[in-house]
């Protein structure tokens, strides 16, 4: 068996007032997931729990993201979350405020036999 990518989804999330990198990341994940209604597990004859979910989050301060808090967003599957430097921090004018923007890439794969060529 080999890990085979079947879906890639992208999302963006923000924390406008609280400068919360975890919340911005969570919103980016939800943005990617909730814009799609995918039945890939059923299409390939797998249970939803067999989904291998690789998540990459980009924010300016990766060390401030609590990845354990993000796992609960996924209703099924086996999520693996990596946080890297990316996204944007946008200063607010005339204050010490900051808007945090996170980007998410979600890759769904299954462990399956390669197709015969």
PDB file of N, CA and C in Angstrom:
ATOM      1  N   UNK A   1       0.840  -1.180   0.000  1.00  0.00           N
ATOM      2  CA  UNK A   1       0.000   0.000   0.000  1.00  0.00           C
ATOM      3  C   UNK A   1       0.889   1.250   0.000  1.00  0.00           C
ATOM      4  N   UNK A   2       0.370   2.324  -0.566  1.00  0.00           N
ATOM      5  CA  UNK A   2       1.099   3.582  -0.635  1.00  0.00           C
ATOM      6  C   UNK A   2       0.158   4.743  -0.343  1.00  0.00           C
ATOM      7  N   UNK A   3       0.706   5.754   0.294  1.00  0.00           N
ATOM      8  CA  UNK A   3      -0.069   6.959   0.582  1.00  0.00           C
ATOM      9  C   UNK A   3      -0.327   7.690  -0.728  1.00  0.00           C
ATOM     10  N   UNK A   4      -1.605   7.912  -1.044  1.00  0.00           N
ATOM     11  CA  UNK A   4      -1.997   8.535  -2.310  1.00  0.00           C
ATOM     12  C   UNK A   4      -2.836   9.776  -2.036  1.00  0.00           C
ATOM     13  N   UNK A   5      -2.350  10.933  -2.506  1.00  0.00           N
ATOM     14  CA  UNK A   5      -3.071  12.199  -2.339  1.00  0.00           C
ATOM     15  C   UNK A   5      -4.287  12.211  -3.261  1.00  0.00           C
ATOM     16  N   UNK A   6      -5.438  12.606  -2.684  1.00  0.00           N
ATOM     17  CA  UNK A   6      -6.656  12.682  -3.487  1.00  0.00           C
ATOM     18  C   UNK A   6      -7.297  14.066  -3.476  1.00  0.00           C
ATOM     19  N   UNK A   7      -7.006  14.899  -2.475  1.00  0.00           N
ATOM     20  CA  UNK A   7      -7.616  16.221  -2.372  1.00  0.00           C
ATOM     21  C   UNK A   7      -6.626  17.196  -1.746  1.00  0.00           C
ATOM     22  N   UNK A   8      -6.617  18.434  -2.267  1.00  0.00           N
ATOM     23  CA  UNK A   8      -5.905  19.537  -1.631  1.00  0.00           C
ATOM     24  C   UNK A   8      -6.896  20.682  -1.459  1.00  0.00           C
ATOM     25  N   UNK A   9      -6.979  21.214  -0.250  1.00  0.00           N
ATOM     26  CA  UNK A   9      -7.898  22.312   0.052  1.00  0.00           C
ATOM     27  C   UNK A   9      -7.105  23.457   0.677  1.00  0.00           C
ATOM     28  N   UNK A  10      -7.559  24.701   0.438  1.00  0.00           N
ATOM     29  CA  UNK A  10      -6.878  25.876   0.968  1.00  0.00           C
ATOM     30  C   UNK A  10      -7.858  26.754   1.717  1.00  0.00           C
ATOM     31  N   UNK A  11      -7.362  27.439   2.745  1.00  0.00           N
ATOM     32  CA  UNK A  11      -8.223  28.341   3.500  1.00  0.00           C
ATOM     33  C   UNK A  11      -7.435  29.486   4.099  1.00  0.00           C
ATOM     34  N   UNK A  12      -8.165  30.517   4.521  1.00  0.00           N
ATOM     35  CA  UNK A  12      -7.574  31.684   5.147  1.00  0.00           C
ATOM     36  C   UNK A  12      -8.427  32.048   6.355  1.00  0.00           C
ATOM     37  N   UNK A  13      -7.773  32.431   7.439  1.00  0.00           N
ATOM     38  CA  UNK A  13      -8.485  32.843   8.637  1.00  0.00           C
ATOM     39  C   UNK A  13      -7.782  34.014   9.292  1.00  0.00           C
ATOM     40  N   UNK A  14      -8.523  34.763  10.089  1.00  0.00           N
ATOM     41  CA  UNK A  14      -7.919  35.925  10.731  1.00  0.00           C
ATOM     42  C   UNK A  14      -8.353  36.051  12.192  1.00  0.00           C
ATOM     43  N   UNK A  15      -7.556  36.786  12.919  1.00  0.00           N
ATOM     44  CA  UNK A  15      -7.885  37.224  14.275  1.00  0.00           C
ATOM     45  C   UNK A  15      -7.741  38.737  14.238  1.00  0.00           C
ATOM     46  N   UNK A  16      -8.860  39.415  14.164  1.00  0.00           N
ATOM     47  CA  UNK A  16      -8.855  40.855  13.914  1.00  0.00           C
ATOM     48  C   UNK A  16      -8.486  41.667  15.142  1.00  0.00           C
ATOM     49  N   UNK A  17      -8.953  41.243  16.309  1.00  0.00           N
ATOM     50  CA  UNK A  17      -8.739  42.047  17.516  1.00  0.00           C
ATOM     51  C   UNK A  17      -7.812  41.411  18.547  1.00  0.00           C
ATOM     52  N   UNK A  18      -7.893  40.116  18.718  1.00  0.00           N
ATOM     53  CA  UNK A  18      -7.224  39.487  19.866  1.00  0.00           C
ATOM     54  C   UNK A  18      -5.785  39.034  19.610  1.00  0.00           C
ATOM     55  N   UNK A  19      -5.282  39.164  18.399  1.00  0.00           N
ATOM     56  CA  UNK A  19      -3.918  38.726  18.053  1.00  0.00           C
ATOM     57  C   UNK A  19      -3.700  37.257  18.405  1.00  0.00           C
ATOM     58  N   UNK A  20      -4.732  36.432  18.199  1.00  0.00           N
ATOM     59  CA  UNK A  20      -4.689  35.028  18.589  1.00  0.00           C
ATOM     60  C   UNK A  20      -4.335  34.168  17.374  1.00  0.00           C
ATOM     61  N   UNK A  21      -3.109  33.680  17.338  1.00  0.00           N
ATOM     62  CA  UNK A  21      -2.623  32.901  16.200  1.00  0.00           C
ATOM     63  C   UNK A  21      -3.333  31.556  16.088  1.00  0.00           C
ATOM     64  N   UNK A  22      -3.675  30.951  17.220  1.00  0.00           N
ATOM     65  CA  UNK A  22      -4.398  29.676  17.188  1.00  0.00           C
ATOM     66  C   UNK A  22      -5.789  29.868  16.601  1.00  0.00           C
ATOM     67  N   UNK A  23      -6.479  30.926  16.989  1.00  0.00           N
ATOM     68  CA  UNK A  23      -7.822  31.172  16.457  1.00  0.00           C
ATOM     69  C   UNK A  23      -7.777  31.486  14.965  1.00  0.00           C
ATOM     70  N   UNK A  24      -6.789  32.246  14.537  1.00  0.00           N
ATOM     71  CA  UNK A  24      -6.648  32.522  13.096  1.00  0.00           C
ATOM     72  C   UNK A  24      -6.395  31.216  12.335  1.00  0.00           C
ATOM     73  N   UNK A  25      -5.563  30.340  12.892  1.00  0.00           N
ATOM     74  CA  UNK A  25      -5.288  29.047  12.259  1.00  0.00           C
ATOM     75  C   UNK A  25      -6.553  28.192  12.210  1.00  0.00           C
ATOM     76  N   UNK A  26      -7.319  28.189  13.292  1.00  0.00           N
ATOM     77  CA  UNK A  26      -8.564  27.413  13.335  1.00  0.00           C
ATOM     78  C   UNK A  26      -9.541  27.917  12.273  1.00  0.00           C
ATOM     79  N   UNK A  27      -9.628  29.211  12.123  1.00  0.00           N
ATOM     80  CA  UNK A  27     -10.530  29.780  11.110  1.00  0.00           C
ATOM     81  C   UNK A  27     -10.058  29.434   9.703  1.00  0.00           C
ATOM     82  N   UNK A  28      -8.750  29.392   9.488  1.00  0.00           N
ATOM     83  CA  UNK A  28      -8.219  29.007   8.176  1.00  0.00           C
ATOM     84  C   UNK A  28      -8.554  27.544   7.865  1.00  0.00           C
ATOM     85  N   UNK A  29      -8.442  26.678   8.870  1.00  0.00           N
ATOM     86  CA  UNK A  29      -8.793  25.266   8.676  1.00  0.00           C
ATOM     87  C   UNK A  29     -10.279  25.135   8.363  1.00  0.00           C
ATOM     88  N   UNK A  30     -11.122  25.799   9.151  1.00  0.00           N
ATOM     89  CA  UNK A  30     -12.571  25.731   8.896  1.00  0.00           C
ATOM     90  C   UNK A  30     -12.923  26.283   7.515  1.00  0.00           C
ATOM     91  N   UNK A  31     -12.253  27.357   7.104  1.00  0.00           N
ATOM     92  CA  UNK A  31     -12.490  27.929   5.786  1.00  0.00           C
ATOM     93  C   UNK A  31     -12.212  26.895   4.696  1.00  0.00           C
ATOM     94  N   UNK A  32     -11.114  26.177   4.834  1.00  0.00           N
ATOM     95  CA  UNK A  32     -10.773  25.146   3.848  1.00  0.00           C
ATOM     96  C   UNK A  32     -11.763  23.986   3.875  1.00  0.00           C
ATOM     97  N   UNK A  33     -12.153  23.555   5.055  1.00  0.00           N
ATOM     98  CA  UNK A  33     -13.037  22.392   5.176  1.00  0.00           C
ATOM     99  C   UNK A  33     -14.483  22.695   4.825  1.00  0.00           C
ATOM    100  N   UNK A  34     -14.983  23.808   5.286  1.00  0.00           N
ATOM    101  CA  UNK A  34     -16.416  24.090   5.183  1.00  0.00           C
ATOM    102  C   UNK A  34     -16.826  24.581   3.795  1.00  0.00           C
ATOM    103  N   UNK A  35     -15.873  24.882   2.933  1.00  0.00           N
ATOM    104  CA  UNK A  35     -16.223  25.269   1.568  1.00  0.00           C
ATOM    105  C   UNK A  35     -16.406  24.055   0.672  1.00  0.00           C
ATOM    106  N   UNK A  36     -16.226  22.895   1.222  1.00  0.00           N
ATOM    107  CA  UNK A  36     -16.297  21.678   0.418  1.00  0.00           C
ATOM    108  C   UNK A  36     -17.168  20.638   1.110  1.00  0.00           C
ATOM    109  N   UNK A  37     -17.818  19.866   0.308  1.00  0.00           N
ATOM    110  CA  UNK A  37     -18.520  18.700   0.815  1.00  0.00           C
ATOM    111  C   UNK A  37     -17.984  17.526   0.014  1.00  0.00           C
ATOM    112  N   UNK A  38     -16.955  16.910   0.548  1.00  0.00           N
ATOM    113  CA  UNK A  38     -16.264  15.872  -0.198  1.00  0.00           C
ATOM    114  C   UNK A  38     -16.673  14.487   0.263  1.00  0.00           C
ATOM    115  N   UNK A  39     -16.903  13.642  -0.682  1.00  0.00           N
ATOM    116  CA  UNK A  39     -17.253  12.259  -0.386  1.00  0.00           C
ATOM    117  C   UNK A  39     -16.157  11.318  -0.884  1.00  0.00           C
ATOM    118  N   UNK A  40     -14.908  11.750  -0.747  1.00  0.00           N
ATOM    119  CA  UNK A  40     -13.814  10.958  -1.297  1.00  0.00           C
ATOM    120  C   UNK A  40     -13.658   9.617  -0.594  1.00  0.00           C
ATOM    121  N   UNK A  41     -13.903   9.567   0.686  1.00  0.00           N
ATOM    122  CA  UNK A  41     -13.766   8.288   1.392  1.00  0.00           C
ATOM    123  C   UNK A  41     -14.725   7.270   0.802  1.00  0.00           C
ATOM    124  N   UNK A  42     -15.980   7.675   0.665  1.00  0.00           N
ATOM    125  CA  UNK A  42     -16.982   6.767   0.108  1.00  0.00           C
ATOM    126  C   UNK A  42     -16.681   6.423  -1.355  1.00  0.00           C
ATOM    127  N   UNK A  43     -16.176   7.401  -2.099  1.00  0.00           N
ATOM    128  CA  UNK A  43     -15.873   7.169  -3.517  1.00  0.00           C
ATOM    129  C   UNK A  43     -14.822   6.087  -3.701  1.00  0.00           C
ATOM    130  N   UNK A  44     -13.888   6.001  -2.751  1.00  0.00           N
ATOM    131  CA  UNK A  44     -12.836   4.992  -2.831  1.00  0.00           C
ATOM    132  C   UNK A  44     -13.134   3.764  -1.985  1.00  0.00           C
ATOM    133  N   UNK A  45     -14.291   3.752  -1.325  1.00  0.00           N
ATOM    134  CA  UNK A  45     -14.666   2.603  -0.512  1.00  0.00           C
ATOM    135  C   UNK A  45     -13.958   2.520   0.828  1.00  0.00           C
ATOM    136  N   UNK A  46     -13.510   3.661   1.354  1.00  0.00           N
ATOM    137  CA  UNK A  46     -12.826   3.694   2.642  1.00  0.00           C
ATOM    138  C   UNK A  46     -13.739   4.293   3.706  1.00  0.00           C
ATOM    139  N   UNK A  47     -13.553   3.909   4.959  1.00  0.00           N
ATOM    140  CA  UNK A  47     -14.259   4.629   6.028  1.00  0.00           C
ATOM    141  C   UNK A  47     -13.614   6.004   6.195  1.00  0.00           C
ATOM    142  N   UNK A  48     -14.384   6.970   6.668  1.00  0.00           N
ATOM    143  CA  UNK A  48     -13.861   8.327   6.845  1.00  0.00           C
ATOM    144  C   UNK A  48     -12.686   8.358   7.817  1.00  0.00           C
ATOM    145  N   UNK A  49     -12.646   7.418   8.736  1.00  0.00           N
ATOM    146  CA  UNK A  49     -11.550   7.372   9.705  1.00  0.00           C
ATOM    147  C   UNK A  49     -10.220   7.038   9.046  1.00  0.00           C
ATOM    148  N   UNK A  50     -10.248   6.521   7.819  1.00  0.00           N
ATOM    149  CA  UNK A  50      -9.018   6.157   7.110  1.00  0.00           C
ATOM    150  C   UNK A  50      -8.355   7.346   6.420  1.00  0.00           C
ATOM    151  N   UNK A  51      -9.014   8.502   6.454  1.00  0.00           N
ATOM    152  CA  UNK A  51      -8.442   9.685   5.811  1.00  0.00           C
ATOM    153  C   UNK A  51      -7.160  10.107   6.519  1.00  0.00           C
ATOM    154  N   UNK A  52      -6.085  10.252   5.757  1.00  0.00           N
ATOM    155  CA  UNK A  52      -4.824  10.775   6.276  1.00  0.00           C
ATOM    156  C   UNK A  52      -4.837  12.262   5.926  1.00  0.00           C
ATOM    157  N   UNK A  53      -4.816  13.126   6.931  1.00  0.00           N
ATOM    158  CA  UNK A  53      -4.986  14.556   6.725  1.00  0.00           C
ATOM    159  C   UNK A  53      -3.707  15.282   7.139  1.00  0.00           C
ATOM    160  N   UNK A  54      -3.001  15.831   6.160  1.00  0.00           N
ATOM    161  CA  UNK A  54      -1.797  16.614   6.422  1.00  0.00           C
ATOM    162  C   UNK A  54      -2.163  18.086   6.322  1.00  0.00           C
ATOM    163  N   UNK A  55      -1.937  18.810   7.402  1.00  0.00           N
ATOM    164  CA  UNK A  55      -2.308  20.223   7.477  1.00  0.00           C
ATOM    165  C   UNK A  55      -1.035  21.048   7.647  1.00  0.00           C
ATOM    166  N   UNK A  56      -0.907  22.089   6.822  1.00  0.00           N
ATOM    167  CA  UNK A  56       0.186  23.039   6.996  1.00  0.00           C
ATOM    168  C   UNK A  56      -0.433  24.415   7.184  1.00  0.00           C
ATOM    169  N   UNK A  57      -0.063  25.048   8.285  1.00  0.00           N
ATOM    170  CA  UNK A  57      -0.567  26.374   8.637  1.00  0.00           C
ATOM    171  C   UNK A  57       0.591  27.362   8.531  1.00  0.00           C
ATOM    172  N   UNK A  58       0.346  28.502   7.911  1.00  0.00           N
ATOM    173  CA  UNK A  58       1.342  29.563   7.836  1.00  0.00           C
ATOM    174  C   UNK A  58       0.887  30.775   8.634  1.00  0.00           C
ATOM    175  N   UNK A  59       1.670  31.164   9.633  1.00  0.00           N
ATOM    176  CA  UNK A  59       1.435  32.381  10.419  1.00  0.00           C
ATOM    177  C   UNK A  59       2.794  33.022  10.697  1.00  0.00           C
ATOM    178  N   UNK A  60       2.784  34.296  11.063  1.00  0.00           N
ATOM    179  CA  UNK A  60       4.030  35.001  11.341  1.00  0.00           C
ATOM    180  C   UNK A  60       4.724  34.510  12.613  1.00  0.00           C
ATOM    181  N   UNK A  61       3.954  33.993  13.570  1.00  0.00           N
ATOM    182  CA  UNK A  61       4.549  33.495  14.817  1.00  0.00           C
ATOM    183  C   UNK A  61       4.100  32.048  15.045  1.00  0.00           C
ATOM    184  N   UNK A  62       4.721  31.093  14.335  1.00  0.00           N
ATOM    185  CA  UNK A  62       4.310  29.688  14.448  1.00  0.00           C
ATOM    186  C   UNK A  62       4.327  29.147  15.872  1.00  0.00           C
ATOM    187  N   UNK A  63       5.248  29.637  16.691  1.00  0.00           N
ATOM    188  CA  UNK A  63       5.377  29.143  18.069  1.00  0.00           C
ATOM    189  C   UNK A  63       4.171  29.499  18.930  1.00  0.00           C
ATOM    190  N   UNK A  64       3.323  30.409  18.473  1.00  0.00           N
ATOM    191  CA  UNK A  64       2.151  30.818  19.245  1.00  0.00           C
ATOM    192  C   UNK A  64       0.881  30.047  18.882  1.00  0.00           C
ATOM    193  N   UNK A  65       1.008  29.047  18.013  1.00  0.00           N
ATOM    194  CA  UNK A  65      -0.156  28.240  17.633  1.00  0.00           C
ATOM    195  C   UNK A  65      -0.176  26.963  18.470  1.00  0.00           C
ATOM    196  N   UNK A  66      -1.304  26.705  19.123  1.00  0.00           N
ATOM    197  CA  UNK A  66      -1.512  25.493  19.914  1.00  0.00           C
ATOM    198  C   UNK A  66      -2.114  24.431  18.997  1.00  0.00           C
ATOM    199  N   UNK A  67      -1.264  23.566  18.439  1.00  0.00           N
ATOM    200  CA  UNK A  67      -1.748  22.569  17.478  1.00  0.00           C
ATOM    201  C   UNK A  67      -2.701  21.561  18.115  1.00  0.00           C
ATOM    202  N   UNK A  68      -2.545  21.287  19.393  1.00  0.00           N
ATOM    203  CA  UNK A  68      -3.453  20.332  20.033  1.00  0.00           C
ATOM    204  C   UNK A  68      -4.886  20.856  20.033  1.00  0.00           C
ATOM    205  N   UNK A  69      -5.051  22.171  20.092  1.00  0.00           N
ATOM    206  CA  UNK A  69      -6.393  22.761  20.053  1.00  0.00           C
ATOM    207  C   UNK A  69      -7.017  22.651  18.666  1.00  0.00           C
ATOM    208  N   UNK A  70      -6.193  22.489  17.638  1.00  0.00           N
ATOM    209  CA  UNK A  70      -6.701  22.427  16.260  1.00  0.00           C
ATOM    210  C   UNK A  70      -7.185  21.037  15.861  1.00  0.00           C
ATOM    211  N   UNK A  71      -6.696  19.996  16.514  1.00  0.00           N
ATOM    212  CA  UNK A  71      -7.081  18.629  16.146  1.00  0.00           C
ATOM    213  C   UNK A  71      -8.588  18.392  16.269  1.00  0.00           C
ATOM    214  N   UNK A  72      -9.215  19.026  17.249  1.00  0.00           N
ATOM    215  CA  UNK A  72     -10.638  18.822  17.482  1.00  0.00           C
ATOM    216  C   UNK A  72     -11.534  19.370  16.378  1.00  0.00           C
ATOM    217  N   UNK A  73     -10.993  20.172  15.475  1.00  0.00           N
ATOM    218  CA  UNK A  73     -11.787  20.722  14.377  1.00  0.00           C
ATOM    219  C   UNK A  73     -12.180  19.628  13.382  1.00  0.00           C
ATOM    220  N   UNK A  74     -11.337  18.629  13.260  1.00  0.00           N
ATOM    221  CA  UNK A  74     -11.557  17.590  12.258  1.00  0.00           C
ATOM    222  C   UNK A  74     -12.552  16.562  12.773  1.00  0.00           C
ATOM    223  N   UNK A  75     -13.667  16.375  12.071  1.00  0.00           N
ATOM    224  CA  UNK A  75     -14.698  15.449  12.550  1.00  0.00           C
ATOM    225  C   UNK A  75     -14.299  13.976  12.413  1.00  0.00           C
ATOM    226  N   UNK A  76     -13.334  13.693  11.564  1.00  0.00           N
ATOM    227  CA  UNK A  76     -12.854  12.325  11.364  1.00  0.00           C
ATOM    228  C   UNK A  76     -11.505  12.382  10.671  1.00  0.00           C
ATOM    229  N   UNK A  77     -10.904  11.239  10.501  1.00  0.00           N
ATOM    230  CA  UNK A  77      -9.601  11.182   9.853  1.00  0.00           C
ATOM    231  C   UNK A  77      -8.472  11.259  10.854  1.00  0.00           C
ATOM    232  N   UNK A  78      -7.261  11.265  10.328  1.00  0.00           N
ATOM    233  CA  UNK A  78      -6.045  11.264  11.131  1.00  0.00           C
ATOM    234  C   UNK A  78      -5.239  12.524  10.815  1.00  0.00           C
ATOM    235  N   UNK A  79      -5.564  13.652  11.469  1.00  0.00           N
ATOM    236  CA  UNK A  79      -4.861  14.892  11.143  1.00  0.00           C
ATOM    237  C   UNK A  79      -3.452  14.964  11.728  1.00  0.00           C
ATOM    238  N   UNK A  80      -2.548  15.496  10.923  1.00  0.00           N
ATOM    239  CA  UNK A  80      -1.189  15.809  11.341  1.00  0.00           C
ATOM    240  C   UNK A  80      -0.972  17.281  10.997  1.00  0.00           C
ATOM    241  N   UNK A  81      -0.650  18.105  11.998  1.00  0.00           N
ATOM    242  CA  UNK A  81      -0.607  19.552  11.795  1.00  0.00           C
ATOM    243  C   UNK A  81       0.813  20.074  11.962  1.00  0.00           C
ATOM    244  N   UNK A  82       1.257  20.838  10.953  1.00  0.00           N
ATOM    245  CA  UNK A  82       2.558  21.498  10.973  1.00  0.00           C
ATOM    246  C   UNK A  82       2.326  22.996  10.836  1.00  0.00           C
ATOM    247  N   UNK A  83       3.041  23.787  11.623  1.00  0.00           N
ATOM    248  CA  UNK A  83       2.912  25.237  11.544  1.00  0.00           C
ATOM    249  C   UNK A  83       4.253  25.817  11.106  1.00  0.00           C
ATOM    250  N   UNK A  84       4.194  26.679  10.098  1.00  0.00           N
ATOM    251  CA  UNK A  84       5.397  27.284   9.538  1.00  0.00           C
ATOM    252  C   UNK A  84       5.234  28.806   9.507  1.00  0.00           C
ATOM    253  N   UNK A  85       6.345  29.498   9.288  1.00  0.00           N
ATOM    254  CA  UNK A  85       6.280  30.958   9.154  1.00  0.00           C
ATOM    255  C   UNK A  85       5.616  31.297   7.823  1.00  0.00           C
ATOM    256  N   UNK A  86       4.614  32.147   7.895  1.00  0.00           N
ATOM    257  CA  UNK A  86       3.873  32.552   6.706  1.00  0.00           C
ATOM    258  C   UNK A  86       2.775  33.506   7.129  1.00  0.00           C
ATOM    259  N   UNK A  87       1.686  33.541   6.378  1.00  0.00           N
ATOM    260  CA  UNK A  87       0.577  34.412   6.732  1.00  0.00           C
ATOM    261  C   UNK A  87       1.009  35.865   6.774  1.00  0.00           C
ATOM    262  N   UNK A  88       0.234  36.675   7.460  1.00  0.00           N
ATOM    263  CA  UNK A  88       0.526  38.108   7.572  1.00  0.00           C
ATOM    264  C   UNK A  88       0.151  38.628   8.950  1.00  0.00           C
ATOM    265  N   UNK A  89       0.916  39.570   9.440  1.00  0.00           N
ATOM    266  CA  UNK A  89       0.542  40.380  10.590  1.00  0.00           C
ATOM    267  C   UNK A  89       0.393  41.798  10.059  1.00  0.00           C
ATOM    268  N   UNK A  90      -0.792  42.368  10.215  1.00  0.00           N
ATOM    269  CA  UNK A  90      -1.053  43.695   9.671  1.00  0.00           C
ATOM    270  C   UNK A  90      -1.285  44.668  10.829  1.00  0.00           C
ATOM    271  N   UNK A  91      -0.373  45.622  11.018  1.00  0.00           N
ATOM    272  CA  UNK A  91      -0.546  46.598  12.101  1.00  0.00           C
ATOM    273  C   UNK A  91      -1.760  47.487  11.839  1.00  0.00           C
ATOM    274  N   UNK A  92      -2.436  47.831  12.928  1.00  0.00           N
ATOM    275  CA  UNK A  92      -3.561  48.765  12.833  1.00  0.00           C
ATOM    276  C   UNK A  92      -3.026  50.183  13.010  1.00  0.00           C
ATOM    277  N   UNK A  93      -3.529  51.123  12.223  1.00  0.00           N
ATOM    278  CA  UNK A  93      -3.020  52.491  12.337  1.00  0.00           C
ATOM    279  C   UNK A  93      -3.429  53.140  13.665  1.00  0.00           C
ATOM    280  N   UNK A  94      -2.523  53.908  14.214  1.00  0.00           N
ATOM    281  CA  UNK A  94      -2.778  54.736  15.406  1.00  0.00           C
ATOM    282  C   UNK A  94      -3.039  53.926  16.682  1.00  0.00           C
ATOM    283  N   UNK A  95      -2.707  52.632  16.682  1.00  0.00           N
ATOM    284  CA  UNK A  95      -2.872  51.807  17.882  1.00  0.00           C
ATOM    285  C   UNK A  95      -1.737  50.793  17.925  1.00  0.00           C
ATOM    286  N   UNK A  96      -1.689  50.022  18.991  1.00  0.00           N
ATOM    287  CA  UNK A  96      -0.734  48.915  19.025  1.00  0.00           C
ATOM    288  C   UNK A  96      -1.410  47.629  18.574  1.00  0.00           C
ATOM    289  N   UNK A  97      -2.579  47.744  17.946  1.00  0.00           N
ATOM    290  CA  UNK A  97      -3.342  46.590  17.482  1.00  0.00           C
ATOM    291  C   UNK A  97      -2.701  45.910  16.283  1.00  0.00           C
ATOM    292  N   UNK A  98      -3.150  44.699  16.050  1.00  0.00           N
ATOM    293  CA  UNK A  98      -2.585  43.872  14.988  1.00  0.00           C
ATOM    294  C   UNK A  98      -3.658  42.917  14.491  1.00  0.00           C
ATOM    295  N   UNK A  99      -3.772  42.786  13.199  1.00  0.00           N
ATOM    296  CA  UNK A  99      -4.625  41.749  12.626  1.00  0.00           C
ATOM    297  C   UNK A  99      -3.730  40.600  12.192  1.00  0.00           C
ATOM    298  N   UNK A 100      -4.056  39.392  12.641  1.00  0.00           N
ATOM    299  CA  UNK A 100      -3.293  38.198  12.323  1.00  0.00           C
ATOM    300  C   UNK A 100      -4.024  37.429  11.227  1.00  0.00           C
ATOM    301  N   UNK A 101      -3.301  37.082  10.168  1.00  0.00           N
ATOM    302  CA  UNK A 101      -3.884  36.294   9.083  1.00  0.00           C
ATOM    303  C   UNK A 101      -3.109  34.996   8.959  1.00  0.00           C
ATOM    304  N   UNK A 102      -3.848  33.888   8.931  1.00  0.00           N
ATOM    305  CA  UNK A 102      -3.269  32.556   8.778  1.00  0.00           C
ATOM    306  C   UNK A 102      -3.740  31.945   7.463  1.00  0.00           C
ATOM    307  N   UNK A 103      -2.865  31.167   6.847  1.00  0.00           N
ATOM    308  CA  UNK A 103      -3.216  30.397   5.657  1.00  0.00           C
ATOM    309  C   UNK A 103      -3.102  28.918   5.992  1.00  0.00           C
ATOM    310  N   UNK A 104      -4.002  28.130   5.413  1.00  0.00           N
ATOM    311  CA  UNK A 104      -3.986  26.687   5.652  1.00  0.00           C
ATOM    312  C   UNK A 104      -4.013  25.933   4.331  1.00  0.00           C
ATOM    313  N   UNK A 105      -3.229  24.875   4.270  1.00  0.00           N
ATOM    314  CA  UNK A 105      -3.293  23.917   3.168  1.00  0.00           C
ATOM    315  C   UNK A 105      -3.604  22.567   3.805  1.00  0.00           C
ATOM    316  N   UNK A 106      -4.644  21.920   3.303  1.00  0.00           N
ATOM    317  CA  UNK A 106      -5.054  20.620   3.830  1.00  0.00           C
ATOM    318  C   UNK A 106      -4.973  19.605   2.705  1.00  0.00           C
ATOM    319  N   UNK A 107      -4.209  18.553   2.934  1.00  0.00           N
ATOM    320  CA  UNK A 107      -4.042  17.497   1.938  1.00  0.00           C
ATOM    321  C   UNK A 107      -4.645  16.220   2.498  1.00  0.00           C
ATOM    322  N   UNK A 108      -5.592  15.655   1.762  1.00  0.00           N
ATOM    323  CA  UNK A 108      -6.251  14.415   2.173  1.00  0.00           C
ATOM    324  C   UNK A 108      -5.708  13.276   1.316  1.00  0.00           C
ATOM    325  N   UNK A 109      -5.262  12.232   1.986  1.00  0.00           N
ATOM    326  CA  UNK A 109      -4.702  11.065   1.306  1.00  0.00           C
ATOM    327  C   UNK A 109      -5.301   9.800   1.891  1.00  0.00           C
ATOM    328  N   UNK A 110      -5.095   8.704   1.180  1.00  0.00           N
ATOM    329  CA  UNK A 110      -5.461   7.379   1.670  1.00  0.00           C
ATOM    330  C   UNK A 110      -4.299   6.435   1.416  1.00  0.00           C
ATOM    331  N   UNK A 111      -4.210   5.413   2.225  1.00  0.00           N
ATOM    332  CA  UNK A 111      -3.240   4.353   2.014  1.00  0.00           C
ATOM    333  C   UNK A 111      -3.894   3.363   1.056  1.00  0.00           C
ATOM    334  N   UNK A 112      -3.447   3.355  -0.199  1.00  0.00           N
ATOM    335  CA  UNK A 112      -4.129   2.518  -1.197  1.00  0.00           C
ATOM    336  C   UNK A 112      -3.153   1.933  -2.197  1.00  0.00           C
ATOM    337  N   UNK A 113      -3.623   0.923  -2.895  1.00  0.00           N
ATOM    338  CA  UNK A 113      -2.849   0.278  -3.944  1.00  0.00           C
ATOM    339  C   UNK A 113      -2.714   1.238  -5.127  1.00  0.00           C
ATOM    340  N   UNK A 114      -1.552   1.280  -5.776  1.00  0.00           N
ATOM    341  CA  UNK A 114      -1.447   2.108  -6.982  1.00  0.00           C
ATOM    342  C   UNK A 114      -2.306   1.527  -8.107  1.00  0.00           C
ATOM    343  N   UNK A 115      -2.807   2.408  -8.963  1.00  0.00           N
ATOM    344  CA  UNK A 115      -3.613   1.965 -10.097  1.00  0.00           C
ATOM    345  C   UNK A 115      -2.737   1.195 -11.090  1.00  0.00           C
ATOM    346  N   UNK A 116      -3.313   0.214 -11.744  1.00  0.00           N
ATOM    347  CA  UNK A 116      -2.581  -0.521 -12.774  1.00  0.00           C
ATOM    348  C   UNK A 116      -2.445   0.344 -14.003  1.00  0.00           C
ATOM    349  N   UNK A 117      -1.246   0.388 -14.564  1.00  0.00           N
ATOM    350  CA  UNK A 117      -1.019   1.210 -15.763  1.00  0.00           C
ATOM    351  C   UNK A 117      -1.095   0.383 -17.018  1.00  0.00           C
TER     352      UNK A 117
END
